[in-house]
Amino acid sequence: QVQLVESGGGLVQAGDSLRLSCAASGRTFSVYPMAWFRQAPGKEREFVAVISVTGRTIYYADSVKGRFTVSRDNANYTGFLQMNSLKPEDTAVYYCAAGSSMGSRSREYGYWGQGTQVTVSS
């Protein structure tokens, strides 16, 4: 069982940066790939990034490639999403997730946090 808690969201201006954290309970976090998804009002939840257990394999959505960086610290059961050059279209609730795959579909992940709001003003 893995419980996930996101933090670090907030209100920023376009061009600013934010760093989201995902704190996990339990050492089992270290055996799962970890992903980030986001959901804007009225839209479906969309894939943002995923990182393998070792951190050697990472995938990004095209919309964030070059601006966002995903990482993890298995020793401290924490994942991170560094978001630079934020745009108004990045506004959404951001969720971290853990699961046994490296896919881009939300149904592939069995563990989810409660989400943290990121709002980017123009």
Protein backbone atom coordinates (compact mmCIF):
# COMPACT_ATOMS: atom_id res chain seq x y z
CA GLN A 1 0.00 0.00 0.00
CA VAL A 2 1.31 3.44 -0.95
CA GLN A 3 -0.16 6.74 0.14
CA LEU A 4 0.85 9.86 -1.77
CA VAL A 5 0.63 13.51 -0.75
CA GLU A 6 1.43 16.33 -3.17
CA SER A 7 2.57 19.79 -2.16
CA GLY A 8 4.12 22.88 -3.70
CA GLY A 9 1.31 24.19 -5.83
CA GLY A 10 0.30 27.82 -5.90
CA LEU A 11 -0.46 30.93 -7.91
CA VAL A 12 2.35 32.20 -10.12
CA GLN A 13 2.79 34.39 -13.17
CA ALA A 14 3.62 33.21 -16.65
CA GLY A 15 7.33 32.48 -16.93
CA ASP A 16 7.73 31.61 -13.26
CA SER A 17 8.78 28.28 -11.80
CA LEU A 18 7.31 25.89 -9.25
CA ARG A 19 8.53 22.67 -7.72
CA LEU A 20 5.96 20.09 -6.78
CA SER A 21 6.71 17.35 -4.29
CA CYS A 22 5.06 13.98 -3.81
CA ALA A 23 5.68 12.42 -0.42
CA ALA A 24 5.02 8.70 -0.18
CA SER A 25 4.38 6.56 2.83
CA GLY A 26 5.96 3.16 2.93
CA ARG A 27 9.08 1.74 1.41
CA THR A 28 7.03 0.15 -1.39
CA PHE A 29 7.23 3.53 -3.16
CA SER A 30 10.74 2.56 -4.19
CA VAL A 31 9.50 -0.34 -6.33
CA TYR A 32 7.00 1.61 -8.44
CA PRO A 33 7.42 3.96 -11.36
CA MET A 34 6.04 7.37 -10.46
CA ALA A 35 4.01 9.60 -12.73
CA TRP A 36 2.53 13.07 -12.77
CA PHE A 37 -0.83 13.88 -14.31
CA ARG A 38 -2.84 17.07 -14.41
CA GLN A 39 -6.47 17.97 -14.86
CA ALA A 40 -7.79 21.36 -15.89
CA PRO A 41 -11.42 22.36 -15.30
CA GLY A 42 -13.71 20.71 -17.81
CA LYS A 43 -10.93 18.59 -19.27
CA GLU A 44 -9.82 15.00 -18.89
CA ARG A 45 -6.87 14.08 -16.73
CA GLU A 46 -3.75 14.15 -18.89
CA PHE A 47 -0.33 12.61 -18.60
CA VAL A 48 2.57 14.91 -17.78
CA ALA A 49 5.62 12.74 -17.02
CA VAL A 50 6.74 9.40 -15.64
CA ILE A 51 10.01 8.23 -14.10
CA SER A 52 11.19 4.66 -13.63
CA VAL A 53 12.18 3.18 -10.30
CA THR A 54 15.86 3.84 -10.92
CA GLY A 55 15.29 7.22 -12.52
CA ARG A 56 17.11 6.16 -15.68
CA THR A 57 14.01 6.14 -17.88
CA ILE A 58 11.81 9.21 -18.14
CA TYR A 59 9.01 10.17 -20.50
CA TYR A 60 7.35 13.55 -20.90
CA ALA A 61 4.25 14.80 -22.63
CA ASP A 62 5.15 16.93 -25.63
CA SER A 63 3.44 19.91 -24.06
CA VAL A 64 5.92 20.04 -21.16
CA LYS A 65 9.08 18.66 -22.74
CA GLY A 66 12.00 21.02 -22.20
CA ARG A 67 10.21 22.94 -19.44
CA PHE A 68 9.41 20.30 -16.79
CA THR A 69 11.79 17.90 -15.07
CA VAL A 70 10.70 14.87 -13.10
CA SER A 71 12.92 13.28 -10.45
CA ARG A 72 12.72 11.08 -7.38
CA ASP A 73 14.55 10.45 -4.14
CA ASN A 74 13.88 6.85 -3.19
CA ALA A 75 15.84 7.14 0.05
CA ASN A 76 13.32 9.72 1.25
CA TYR A 77 10.26 8.29 -0.55
CA THR A 78 9.68 11.52 -2.44
CA GLY A 79 9.09 12.48 -6.03
CA PHE A 80 9.44 15.89 -7.63
CA LEU A 81 8.21 17.83 -10.63
CA GLN A 82 10.23 20.94 -11.42
CA MET A 83 8.18 23.23 -13.63
CA ASN A 84 9.90 26.11 -15.41
CA SER A 85 8.67 28.69 -17.91
CA LEU A 86 5.11 28.13 -16.78
CA LYS A 87 2.28 29.10 -19.10
CA PRO A 88 -1.38 29.86 -18.38
CA GLU A 89 -2.29 26.61 -20.13
CA ASP A 90 -0.37 24.74 -17.42
CA THR A 91 -3.09 25.72 -14.95
CA ALA A 92 -4.55 22.53 -13.49
CA VAL A 93 -4.70 20.28 -10.47
CA TYR A 94 -1.53 18.21 -10.50
CA TYR A 95 -1.54 14.63 -9.24
CA CYS A 96 1.25 12.20 -8.57
CA ALA A 97 0.62 8.52 -9.10
CA ALA A 98 2.42 5.25 -8.61
CA GLY A 99 1.90 2.00 -10.43
CA SER A 100 3.53 -0.97 -12.02
CA SER A 101 3.73 0.45 -15.54
CA MET A 102 5.34 3.40 -17.31
CA GLY A 103 2.26 4.19 -19.34
CA SER A 104 0.52 7.46 -20.08
CA ARG A 105 -2.99 6.33 -19.19
CA SER A 106 -4.34 7.11 -15.76
CA ARG A 107 -5.95 3.69 -15.39
CA GLU A 108 -2.49 2.11 -15.34
CA TYR A 109 -1.75 3.64 -11.94
CA GLY A 110 -3.27 2.28 -8.77
CA TYR A 111 -2.09 4.83 -6.24
CA TRP A 112 -2.94 8.52 -6.37
CA GLY A 113 -2.43 11.62 -4.30
CA GLN A 114 -5.16 14.16 -3.60
CA GLY A 115 -3.73 16.74 -5.99
CA THR A 116 -2.30 20.22 -5.69
CA GLN A 117 -3.57 23.29 -7.55
CA VAL A 118 -1.26 25.15 -9.90
CA THR A 119 -2.56 28.42 -11.32
CA VAL A 120 -0.56 30.42 -13.83
CA SER A 121 -1.71 33.95 -14.57
CA SER A 122 -0.90 35.75 -17.80
